[in-house]
Amino acid sequence: MTVTQFAVHDALLDALRRDLSRDALATTPEATAPYATDRSGSRPDGVPLAVVHAANAEDVRTTLRHAHALRVPVVPRGAGTGLSGGANAGTGAVVLDLSRMNRILDLDPYDQIAVVEPGVITAELDRAAAEFGLRYAPDPASAAISTVGGNIATNAGGLRCAKYGVTRDAVLGLDVVLADGTPIRTGRRTVKGVTGYDLTALLTGSEGTLGVITAATVRLRPRPASTVTVAAHFDSFAEGAEAVSALTAARLEPSMAELLDGPVLAAVDEAQGSDLRSRGGALLLLQCDGRAAAAEAEAAVTLLRERAGSVETTADPAEADRLLTARRQALPALERLGRVLIEDIAVPRSRLADAVREITAAAERHDVRIFTFAHAADGNLHPILVLDPDAPGIPDAAWQAAGDIFTAALRLGGTLTGEHGVGTLKRRWLADELGPQQHALQQRIKAAFDPHLILNPGKAL
């Protein structure tokens, strides 16, 4: 760093020490290093300059006001469970850790809304809503550890997306601090509202590049009267994908349809002591919920039995949880095998099987290990590249395989990312999807919110 940069950093740290509580600021390498990376497998250069453990919105405003004045980059962060490098923070950055802002401020069972701080754990909000017969519908596989604020920043998807939508569909309003420390409130507490531009939707999924969320008003939904879970085993992942496409063509709308390939099942078996791989080359976990759950599940089973090697159903919540454990433990099981590079394409649901074949071909062409699972009912696939944990950087073969998969997704009419976000890992392909005119427009929007480009620089756009 230059002498000027050292002086700027010293000035910022002096201002933060003066205006924040003593335990809010961490600056030693030992304290900041754990905040350098998220769960994506990518690694930035160096460690952050400092970590601010914000306890309230005023801490956020103070941090951004000083950082904006001195042009120091700020990386907002929740639990660090992101999978695209969006929360990575290298040399010279200040991490704004929001995990201590973890209160449920209001839970209104009559209007079926909740107001929460960004550090609230997703599953904890769902449990709080359950006391009133409600649920928070967004259900990422990381719900037990991810935060609502992080989910909003990436517009996270999850297991129940097929029926209930992604996080954006549950967010009604946001309290946000802009790059210069200005607080704004977007949206409303009502189910409907079309006043002005929809800044709530714009900020949802903006990956911390437009503002920092300090509170969110989210929609809750009634818990379903009943739920039926179906587990179907197939000889191959492609056959499972074709079965899901057939369910879609039959106008069936499960609340969940999770598909895991044989290598993923083997990894889960090794980690959990189960025997899933012995039953087939792919596992489809399907749930139907609501008053018509039994009838919908029966129709799905009839269709699946024409294609699957075996099909079983249960209405027992404990047995359903046991089955779903395989899906929720898929990523942790793969992380035991090496360093993971987690991809996240989505294609039209009718092209799901085509995407599966493209992933298989890319793995063979570049001789890389790819493990795949999918939110199959909405065409969202997660090809996971498992790399040597001791290798420096990401090997060229892995980048080439990833590039082939992204190119195939776009060719099939799909997208680079269905729910994890662009972060740092997908920026090189971003313009291929957006095109030059839209890319330039989005950059102008970024400049309007953050004129000095201090918020999560080098991410998303």
Protein backbone atom coordinates (compact mmCIF):
# COMPACT_ATOMS: atom_id res chain seq x y z
CA MET A 1 0.00 0.00 0.00
CA THR A 2 1.05 3.60 -0.52
CA VAL A 3 1.71 6.11 2.25
CA THR A 4 -1.58 7.80 1.37
CA GLN A 5 -3.52 4.53 1.74
CA PHE A 6 -1.95 3.92 5.14
CA ALA A 7 -2.99 7.40 6.22
CA VAL A 8 -6.56 6.88 4.98
CA HIS A 9 -6.84 3.56 6.81
CA ASP A 10 -5.48 5.08 10.02
CA ALA A 11 -7.95 7.95 9.75
CA LEU A 12 -10.86 5.55 9.29
CA LEU A 13 -9.85 3.34 12.20
CA ASP A 14 -9.43 6.39 14.44
CA ALA A 15 -12.94 7.59 13.52
CA LEU A 16 -14.47 4.16 14.12
CA ARG A 17 -12.72 3.76 17.47
CA ARG A 18 -14.06 7.14 18.50
CA ASP A 19 -17.66 6.62 17.40
CA LEU A 20 -18.30 2.90 17.99
CA SER A 21 -18.44 0.94 21.22
CA ARG A 22 -15.21 -0.73 22.29
CA ASP A 23 -16.25 -4.29 21.40
CA ALA A 24 -17.64 -3.34 17.96
CA LEU A 25 -14.30 -2.96 16.16
CA ALA A 26 -11.75 -5.72 15.50
CA THR A 27 -8.49 -5.00 13.68
CA THR A 28 -5.96 -7.75 14.45
CA PRO A 29 -5.24 -10.27 11.67
CA GLU A 30 -6.37 -13.10 13.98
CA ALA A 31 -9.75 -11.40 14.46
CA THR A 32 -10.28 -10.34 10.85
CA ALA A 33 -9.01 -13.42 8.98
CA PRO A 34 -12.17 -15.54 9.63
CA TYR A 35 -14.18 -12.83 7.87
CA ALA A 36 -12.15 -12.87 4.66
CA THR A 37 -14.10 -15.65 2.92
CA ASP A 38 -17.57 -17.05 2.56
CA ARG A 39 -18.52 -20.69 1.86
CA SER A 40 -17.91 -20.53 -1.89
CA GLY A 41 -14.44 -22.03 -1.94
CA SER A 42 -12.97 -18.86 -3.47
CA ARG A 43 -10.29 -16.94 -1.61
CA PRO A 44 -9.45 -13.21 -1.74
CA ASP A 45 -5.98 -11.75 -1.48
CA GLY A 46 -5.08 -10.87 2.10
CA VAL A 47 -7.35 -10.25 5.07
CA PRO A 48 -9.67 -7.32 5.82
CA LEU A 49 -8.46 -4.09 7.37
CA ALA A 50 -11.11 -4.33 10.09
CA VAL A 51 -14.39 -5.94 11.10
CA VAL A 52 -17.23 -3.87 12.53
CA HIS A 53 -19.62 -6.01 14.57
CA ALA A 54 -22.69 -3.83 14.24
CA ALA A 55 -25.18 -4.05 17.09
CA ASN A 56 -27.76 -1.66 15.63
CA ALA A 57 -28.58 0.51 12.64
CA GLU A 58 -26.63 3.44 14.09
CA ASP A 59 -23.43 1.37 13.97
CA VAL A 60 -24.13 0.70 10.30
CA ARG A 61 -24.75 4.39 9.56
CA THR A 62 -21.60 5.43 11.42
CA THR A 63 -19.41 2.91 9.59
CA LEU A 64 -20.73 3.81 6.16
CA ARG A 65 -20.56 7.56 6.77
CA HIS A 66 -16.86 7.41 7.61
CA ALA A 67 -16.00 4.83 4.94
CA HIS A 68 -17.80 6.88 2.29
CA ALA A 69 -15.97 10.06 3.27
CA LEU A 70 -12.60 8.32 3.05
CA ARG A 71 -13.45 6.09 0.02
CA VAL A 72 -12.75 2.83 1.87
CA PRO A 73 -14.54 -0.32 0.59
CA VAL A 74 -17.12 -1.96 2.86
CA VAL A 75 -18.26 -5.58 2.56
CA PRO A 76 -21.58 -6.36 4.29
CA ARG A 77 -21.76 -9.85 5.78
CA GLY A 78 -24.27 -12.05 7.55
CA ALA A 79 -23.36 -15.61 8.53
CA GLY A 80 -20.86 -16.06 5.70
CA THR A 81 -22.79 -18.98 4.21
CA GLY A 82 -22.91 -17.44 0.71
CA LEU A 83 -21.74 -19.62 -2.16
CA SER A 84 -20.57 -17.16 -4.80
CA GLY A 85 -17.77 -15.18 -3.12
CA GLY A 86 -20.13 -12.28 -2.50
CA ALA A 87 -18.95 -11.75 1.09
CA ASN A 88 -15.23 -12.19 0.41
CA ALA A 89 -13.16 -9.31 1.75
CA GLY A 90 -9.48 -8.81 1.04
CA THR A 91 -6.78 -6.30 1.91
CA GLY A 92 -8.01 -2.81 2.71
CA ALA A 93 -11.71 -3.66 3.09
CA VAL A 94 -13.88 -3.17 6.16
CA VAL A 95 -16.27 -6.02 6.86
CA LEU A 96 -19.62 -4.90 8.24
CA ASP A 97 -20.75 -7.94 10.24
CA LEU A 98 -24.51 -7.83 10.84
CA SER A 99 -24.87 -11.13 12.72
CA ARG A 100 -25.36 -9.41 16.11
CA MET A 101 -28.45 -7.63 14.77
CA ASN A 102 -30.55 -10.73 15.35
CA ARG A 103 -33.87 -9.64 16.89
CA ILE A 104 -37.35 -10.41 15.67
CA LEU A 105 -38.80 -6.92 16.16
CA ASP A 106 -42.43 -7.74 15.43
CA LEU A 107 -44.45 -10.81 14.52
CA ASP A 108 -48.05 -10.04 13.63
CA PRO A 109 -50.13 -13.22 13.22
CA TYR A 110 -53.19 -11.29 12.03
CA ASP A 111 -51.55 -9.49 9.12
CA GLN A 112 -49.16 -12.46 8.76
CA ILE A 113 -45.97 -10.41 8.64
CA ALA A 114 -42.76 -10.19 10.64
CA VAL A 115 -40.20 -7.41 11.02
CA VAL A 116 -36.71 -8.74 11.62
CA GLU A 117 -33.14 -7.55 11.85
CA PRO A 118 -30.76 -8.94 9.21
CA GLY A 119 -28.90 -11.30 11.53
CA VAL A 120 -31.95 -13.41 12.40
CA ILE A 121 -31.32 -17.05 11.48
CA THR A 122 -33.76 -18.18 8.80
CA ALA A 123 -34.92 -21.31 10.62
CA GLU A 124 -35.42 -19.36 13.86
CA LEU A 125 -37.87 -17.02 12.13
CA ASP A 126 -39.73 -20.05 10.77
CA ARG A 127 -39.89 -21.57 14.27
CA ALA A 128 -41.19 -18.32 15.76
CA ALA A 129 -43.87 -18.13 13.08
CA ALA A 130 -44.85 -21.76 13.75
CA GLU A 131 -46.08 -20.81 17.22
CA PHE A 132 -48.91 -18.97 15.46
CA GLY A 133 -49.59 -21.63 12.83
CA LEU A 134 -47.55 -19.74 10.25
CA ARG A 135 -44.31 -20.29 8.35
CA TYR A 136 -41.61 -18.25 6.70
CA ALA A 137 -41.75 -19.92 3.31
CA PRO A 138 -38.18 -19.34 1.96
CA ASP A 139 -36.28 -22.49 2.89
CA PRO A 140 -32.64 -22.58 1.72
CA ALA A 141 -30.77 -25.77 2.53
CA SER A 142 -28.64 -23.62 4.87
CA ALA A 143 -31.71 -22.37 6.79
CA ALA A 144 -30.30 -23.58 10.10
CA ILE A 145 -27.23 -21.33 9.77
CA SER A 146 -27.95 -18.64 7.17
CA THR A 147 -29.44 -15.25 8.02
CA VAL A 148 -32.51 -13.53 6.67
CA GLY A 149 -30.41 -10.53 5.65
CA GLY A 150 -27.98 -12.69 3.73
CA ASN A 151 -30.86 -14.50 2.05
CA ILE A 152 -32.32 -11.14 0.99
CA ALA A 153 -28.96 -9.89 -0.27
CA THR A 154 -28.66 -12.88 -2.61
CA ASN A 155 -32.39 -13.40 -3.23
CA ALA A 156 -31.86 -16.93 -1.94
CA GLY A 157 -33.99 -19.78 -3.17
CA GLY A 158 -34.43 -23.04 -1.39
CA LEU A 159 -36.32 -26.28 -1.17
CA ARG A 160 -39.84 -24.82 -1.21
CA CYS A 161 -39.27 -22.43 -4.13
CA ALA A 162 -41.31 -24.41 -6.63
CA LYS A 163 -44.58 -23.49 -4.93
CA TYR A 164 -43.76 -20.49 -2.70
CA GLY A 165 -41.17 -18.62 -4.73
CA VAL A 166 -37.76 -17.23 -3.82
CA THR A 167 -36.91 -14.77 -1.04
CA ARG A 168 -37.99 -11.74 -3.11
CA ASP A 169 -41.55 -13.12 -3.09
CA ALA A 170 -41.61 -12.92 0.72
CA VAL A 171 -40.06 -9.46 1.20
CA LEU A 172 -42.52 -6.59 1.58
CA GLY A 173 -40.25 -3.79 2.78
CA LEU A 174 -36.70 -2.96 3.85
CA ASP A 175 -34.85 -0.56 6.11
CA VAL A 176 -31.61 0.18 4.31
CA VAL A 177 -28.56 2.39 4.85
CA LEU A 178 -27.11 3.81 1.65
CA ALA A 179 -23.39 4.07 0.96
CA ASP A 180 -23.07 7.57 2.46
CA GLY A 181 -24.88 6.60 5.67
CA THR A 182 -28.34 7.84 4.63
CA PRO A 183 -31.16 5.65 5.99
CA ILE A 184 -34.19 4.90 3.78
CA ARG A 185 -37.26 2.72 4.13
CA THR A 186 -38.73 0.96 1.10
CA GLY A 187 -41.91 -1.02 0.55
CA ARG A 188 -44.80 -1.42 2.96
CA ARG A 189 -46.54 -3.73 5.45
CA THR A 190 -49.43 -4.48 3.09
CA VAL A 191 -49.60 -7.46 0.73
CA LYS A 192 -50.19 -5.13 -2.24
CA GLY A 193 -48.53 -1.80 -3.04
CA VAL A 194 -47.36 -0.15 -6.26
CA THR A 195 -46.32 3.36 -5.20
CA GLY A 196 -43.20 4.45 -7.06
CA TYR A 197 -40.45 2.21 -8.34
CA ASP A 198 -40.09 -1.13 -6.58
CA LEU A 199 -36.84 -0.45 -4.72
CA THR A 200 -37.52 -3.35 -2.35
CA ALA A 201 -37.32 -5.81 -5.24
CA LEU A 202 -34.24 -4.05 -6.64
CA LEU A 203 -32.38 -4.20 -3.33
CA THR A 204 -33.34 -7.84 -2.85
CA GLY A 205 -30.65 -9.78 -4.67
CA SER A 206 -28.31 -6.79 -5.03
CA GLU A 207 -25.58 -8.62 -3.06
CA GLY A 208 -24.76 -5.70 -0.78
CA THR A 209 -23.73 -3.46 -3.68
CA LEU A 210 -26.55 -0.88 -3.36
CA GLY A 211 -27.14 -0.58 0.38
CA VAL A 212 -26.96 -2.37 3.72
CA ILE A 213 -30.16 -3.92 5.10
CA THR A 214 -30.85 -3.12 8.75
CA ALA A 215 -34.40 -4.51 8.99
CA ALA A 216 -36.86 -6.37 6.76
CA THR A 217 -40.62 -6.69 6.72
CA VAL A 218 -41.43 -10.15 5.43
CA ARG A 219 -44.55 -12.05 4.58
CA LEU A 220 -45.58 -15.15 6.53
CA ARG A 221 -47.90 -17.87 5.27
CA PRO A 222 -50.23 -20.38 6.93
CA ARG A 223 -48.62 -23.71 7.69
CA PRO A 224 -50.08 -26.37 5.40
CA ALA A 225 -52.85 -28.57 6.76
CA SER A 226 -50.96 -31.69 5.67
CA THR A 227 -47.76 -32.69 3.92
CA VAL A 228 -46.93 -35.89 2.04
CA THR A 229 -43.34 -36.78 1.15
CA VAL A 230 -42.38 -39.02 -1.77
CA ALA A 231 -38.97 -40.62 -2.31
CA ALA A 232 -38.27 -42.11 -5.74
CA HIS A 233 -35.05 -43.83 -6.83
CA PHE A 234 -33.88 -43.86 -10.46
CA ASP A 235 -31.12 -45.62 -12.35
CA SER A 236 -29.63 -42.30 -13.48
CA PHE A 237 -29.80 -38.60 -12.73
CA ALA A 238 -30.98 -37.87 -16.28
CA GLU A 239 -33.92 -40.26 -15.81
CA GLY A 240 -34.85 -38.49 -12.60
CA ALA A 241 -34.71 -35.13 -14.39
CA GLU A 242 -36.96 -36.45 -17.15
CA ALA A 243 -39.45 -37.63 -14.51
CA VAL A 244 -39.56 -34.14 -12.98
CA SER A 245 -40.20 -32.65 -16.42
CA ALA A 246 -43.07 -35.13 -16.81
CA LEU A 247 -44.54 -33.96 -13.48
CA THR A 248 -44.43 -30.38 -14.74
CA ALA A 249 -46.06 -31.35 -18.02
CA ALA A 250 -48.82 -33.08 -16.02
CA ARG A 251 -49.55 -29.73 -14.28
CA LEU A 252 -48.54 -31.04 -10.87
CA GLU A 253 -47.13 -28.40 -8.50
CA PRO A 254 -45.23 -29.94 -5.61
CA SER A 255 -43.95 -27.64 -2.90
CA MET A 256 -40.57 -29.36 -3.18
CA ALA A 257 -38.76 -31.53 -5.72
CA GLU A 258 -35.11 -32.17 -4.85
CA LEU A 259 -32.99 -34.40 -7.07
CA LEU A 260 -29.59 -35.82 -6.05
CA ASP A 261 -27.21 -37.76 -8.31
CA GLY A 262 -25.41 -41.00 -7.45
CA PRO A 263 -22.05 -39.45 -6.47
CA VAL A 264 -23.84 -37.07 -4.08
CA LEU A 265 -25.74 -40.01 -2.55
CA ALA A 266 -22.47 -41.89 -2.07
CA ALA A 267 -20.94 -38.87 -0.32
CA VAL A 268 -23.99 -38.56 1.95
CA ASP A 269 -23.80 -42.28 2.73
CA GLU A 270 -20.14 -41.94 3.70
CA ALA A 271 -20.88 -38.97 5.95
CA GLN A 272 -24.15 -40.23 7.49
CA GLY A 273 -23.81 -44.01 7.44
CA SER A 274 -26.88 -44.39 5.18
CA ASP A 275 -27.38 -46.68 2.17
CA LEU A 276 -29.01 -44.37 -0.38
CA ARG A 277 -26.57 -45.07 -3.23
CA SER A 278 -27.35 -48.78 -3.16
CA ARG A 279 -30.95 -48.06 -4.15
CA GLY A 280 -30.20 -46.29 -7.40
CA GLY A 281 -28.23 -43.69 -9.33
CA ALA A 282 -30.45 -40.78 -8.33
CA LEU A 283 -32.93 -39.85 -5.60
CA LEU A 284 -35.94 -37.57 -6.06
CA LEU A 285 -37.49 -36.14 -2.90
CA LEU A 286 -40.93 -34.72 -3.54
CA GLN A 287 -43.34 -32.98 -1.19
CA CYS A 288 -46.96 -32.00 -1.72
CA ASP A 289 -48.65 -29.82 0.87
CA GLY A 290 -52.02 -28.26 1.64
CA ARG A 291 -55.50 -29.72 1.89
CA ALA A 292 -55.07 -31.60 -1.39
CA ALA A 293 -51.62 -32.97 -0.51
CA ALA A 294 -52.67 -36.64 -0.48
CA ALA A 295 -54.40 -36.42 -3.85
CA GLU A 296 -51.50 -34.54 -5.45
CA ALA A 297 -48.98 -37.01 -4.04
CA GLU A 298 -51.03 -39.94 -5.32
CA ALA A 299 -51.07 -38.46 -8.82
CA ALA A 300 -47.30 -37.90 -8.65
CA VAL A 301 -46.66 -41.45 -7.45
CA THR A 302 -48.73 -42.87 -10.30
CA LEU A 303 -46.58 -41.00 -12.80
CA LEU A 304 -43.28 -41.78 -11.06
CA ARG A 305 -43.90 -45.51 -10.82
CA GLU A 306 -43.78 -45.66 -14.62
CA ARG A 307 -40.20 -44.36 -14.51
CA ALA A 308 -38.59 -45.03 -11.11
CA GLY A 309 -37.01 -48.16 -9.74
CA SER A 310 -38.79 -47.68 -6.41
CA VAL A 311 -41.21 -45.19 -4.89
CA GLU A 312 -42.16 -44.72 -1.24
CA THR A 313 -44.42 -42.20 0.49
CA THR A 314 -44.93 -40.98 4.04
CA ALA A 315 -47.11 -38.48 5.86
CA ASP A 316 -45.07 -38.88 9.06
CA PRO A 317 -43.12 -35.66 9.77
CA ALA A 318 -40.28 -37.53 11.48
CA GLU A 319 -39.83 -39.87 8.53
CA ALA A 320 -40.00 -36.91 6.13
CA ASP A 321 -37.27 -35.13 8.11
CA ARG A 322 -35.13 -38.25 7.88
CA LEU A 323 -35.50 -38.31 4.11
CA LEU A 324 -34.82 -34.60 3.75
CA THR A 325 -31.67 -34.87 5.85
CA ALA A 326 -29.98 -36.38 2.80
CA ARG A 327 -30.66 -33.21 0.83
CA ARG A 328 -29.71 -30.79 3.58
CA GLN A 329 -26.48 -32.70 4.26
CA ALA A 330 -25.45 -32.90 0.61
CA LEU A 331 -23.13 -29.89 0.62
CA PRO A 332 -21.53 -30.66 4.03
CA ALA A 333 -20.91 -34.21 2.79
CA LEU A 334 -19.15 -32.91 -0.33
CA GLU A 335 -17.08 -30.46 1.70
CA ARG A 336 -15.56 -33.49 3.45
CA LEU A 337 -14.16 -34.66 0.10
CA GLY A 338 -12.20 -31.54 -0.85
CA ARG A 339 -12.49 -27.89 -1.71
CA VAL A 340 -15.85 -27.25 -3.36
CA LEU A 341 -16.65 -24.84 -6.17
CA ILE A 342 -20.41 -24.47 -6.13
CA GLU A 343 -22.24 -23.60 -9.32
CA ASP A 344 -25.86 -22.57 -9.62
CA ILE A 345 -27.44 -22.56 -13.04
CA ALA A 346 -31.14 -22.56 -13.85
CA VAL A 347 -32.80 -23.65 -17.09
CA PRO A 348 -36.39 -23.87 -18.31
CA ARG A 349 -37.95 -26.83 -16.55
CA SER A 350 -38.50 -28.63 -19.84
CA ARG A 351 -34.71 -28.53 -20.48
CA LEU A 352 -33.65 -29.98 -17.12
CA ALA A 353 -32.57 -33.35 -18.54
CA ASP A 354 -30.63 -31.59 -21.34
CA ALA A 355 -28.76 -29.55 -18.71
CA VAL A 356 -27.90 -32.72 -16.79
CA ARG A 357 -26.36 -34.23 -19.92
CA GLU A 358 -24.35 -31.04 -20.55
CA ILE A 359 -22.95 -31.16 -17.01
CA THR A 360 -21.92 -34.79 -17.41
CA ALA A 361 -20.21 -34.01 -20.72
CA ALA A 362 -18.31 -31.06 -19.22
CA ALA A 363 -17.02 -33.23 -16.37
CA GLU A 364 -15.79 -35.88 -18.79
CA ARG A 365 -14.32 -33.37 -21.24
CA HIS A 366 -12.20 -31.61 -18.64
CA ASP A 367 -11.60 -34.56 -16.30
CA VAL A 368 -13.02 -32.87 -13.19
CA ARG A 369 -15.21 -34.32 -10.47
CA ILE A 370 -18.71 -32.84 -10.58
CA PHE A 371 -21.45 -33.78 -8.13
CA THR A 372 -24.93 -32.50 -8.94
CA PHE A 373 -28.15 -31.89 -7.03
CA ALA A 374 -31.07 -29.74 -8.03
CA HIS A 375 -34.18 -27.86 -7.02
CA ALA A 376 -35.64 -29.79 -9.89
CA ALA A 377 -39.19 -28.40 -9.95
CA ASP A 378 -37.89 -24.95 -10.85
CA GLY A 379 -35.01 -26.04 -13.08
CA ASN A 380 -32.27 -24.91 -10.69
CA LEU A 381 -29.20 -27.17 -10.76
CA HIS A 382 -26.14 -27.13 -8.51
CA PRO A 383 -23.14 -28.75 -10.20
CA ILE A 384 -20.49 -28.94 -7.46
CA LEU A 385 -16.87 -29.19 -8.55
CA VAL A 386 -14.77 -30.87 -5.85
CA LEU A 387 -11.14 -29.77 -6.06
CA ASP A 388 -7.85 -30.65 -4.38
CA PRO A 389 -7.89 -28.60 -1.14
CA ASP A 390 -4.13 -28.15 -1.27
CA ALA A 391 -3.99 -26.81 -4.82
CA PRO A 392 -3.34 -23.04 -5.07
CA GLY A 393 -6.13 -21.14 -6.76
CA ILE A 394 -8.72 -22.75 -9.00
CA PRO A 395 -7.30 -25.06 -11.70
CA ASP A 396 -7.82 -24.11 -15.35
CA ALA A 397 -9.72 -27.34 -15.97
CA ALA A 398 -12.27 -26.35 -13.32
CA TRP A 399 -12.77 -22.91 -14.86
CA GLN A 400 -13.14 -24.47 -18.31
CA ALA A 401 -15.73 -26.96 -17.06
CA ALA A 402 -17.63 -24.19 -15.28
CA GLY A 403 -17.51 -22.06 -18.41
CA ASP A 404 -18.92 -24.88 -20.50
CA ILE A 405 -21.75 -25.35 -18.00
CA PHE A 406 -22.61 -21.63 -17.98
CA THR A 407 -22.52 -21.46 -21.76
CA ALA A 408 -24.80 -24.49 -21.96
CA ALA A 409 -27.25 -22.95 -19.48
CA LEU A 410 -27.54 -19.79 -21.60
CA ARG A 411 -27.86 -21.82 -24.79
CA LEU A 412 -30.74 -23.76 -23.23
CA GLY A 413 -32.53 -20.51 -22.42
CA GLY A 414 -31.40 -20.40 -18.80
CA THR A 415 -29.35 -18.23 -16.46
CA LEU A 416 -25.92 -18.18 -14.80
CA THR A 417 -27.38 -18.17 -11.31
CA GLY A 418 -30.77 -19.12 -9.96
CA GLU A 419 -30.26 -18.20 -6.32
CA HIS A 420 -26.65 -17.91 -5.13
CA GLY A 421 -25.83 -14.65 -6.88
CA VAL A 422 -22.97 -13.57 -9.12
CA GLY A 423 -20.50 -12.63 -6.39
CA THR A 424 -16.95 -12.89 -7.69
CA LEU A 425 -17.15 -16.33 -9.29
CA LYS A 426 -19.44 -15.52 -12.23
CA ARG A 427 -18.56 -11.95 -13.17
CA ARG A 428 -16.57 -13.00 -16.23
CA TRP A 429 -19.74 -14.46 -17.79
CA LEU A 430 -22.17 -11.77 -16.64
CA ALA A 431 -22.12 -9.70 -19.83
CA ASP A 432 -22.90 -12.82 -21.88
CA GLU A 433 -26.29 -13.00 -20.19
CA LEU A 434 -27.12 -9.33 -19.69
CA GLY A 435 -25.86 -7.91 -22.99
CA PRO A 436 -23.98 -4.59 -23.22
CA GLN A 437 -26.97 -2.24 -22.98
CA GLN A 438 -28.49 -3.81 -19.86
CA HIS A 439 -25.07 -4.24 -18.27
CA ALA A 440 -24.35 -0.52 -18.74
CA LEU A 441 -27.77 0.41 -17.34
CA GLN A 442 -27.19 -1.70 -14.23
CA GLN A 443 -23.82 -0.04 -13.71
CA ARG A 444 -25.53 3.37 -13.84
CA ILE A 445 -28.02 2.20 -11.21
CA LYS A 446 -25.11 1.10 -9.03
CA ALA A 447 -23.49 4.55 -9.39
CA ALA A 448 -26.74 6.28 -8.40
CA PHE A 449 -26.89 4.35 -5.12
CA ASP A 450 -23.14 4.25 -4.46
CA PRO A 451 -21.33 7.06 -6.35
CA HIS A 452 -17.92 6.30 -4.88
CA LEU A 453 -18.31 2.54 -5.45
CA ILE A 454 -17.39 1.57 -1.89
CA LEU A 455 -20.15 -1.03 -1.31
CA ASN A 456 -18.90 -4.57 -1.97
CA PRO A 457 -16.69 -3.50 -4.90
CA GLY A 458 -15.72 -6.15 -7.42
CA LYS A 459 -18.90 -8.14 -6.82
CA ALA A 460 -22.01 -8.80 -8.91
CA LEU A 461 -21.52 -6.27 -11.73
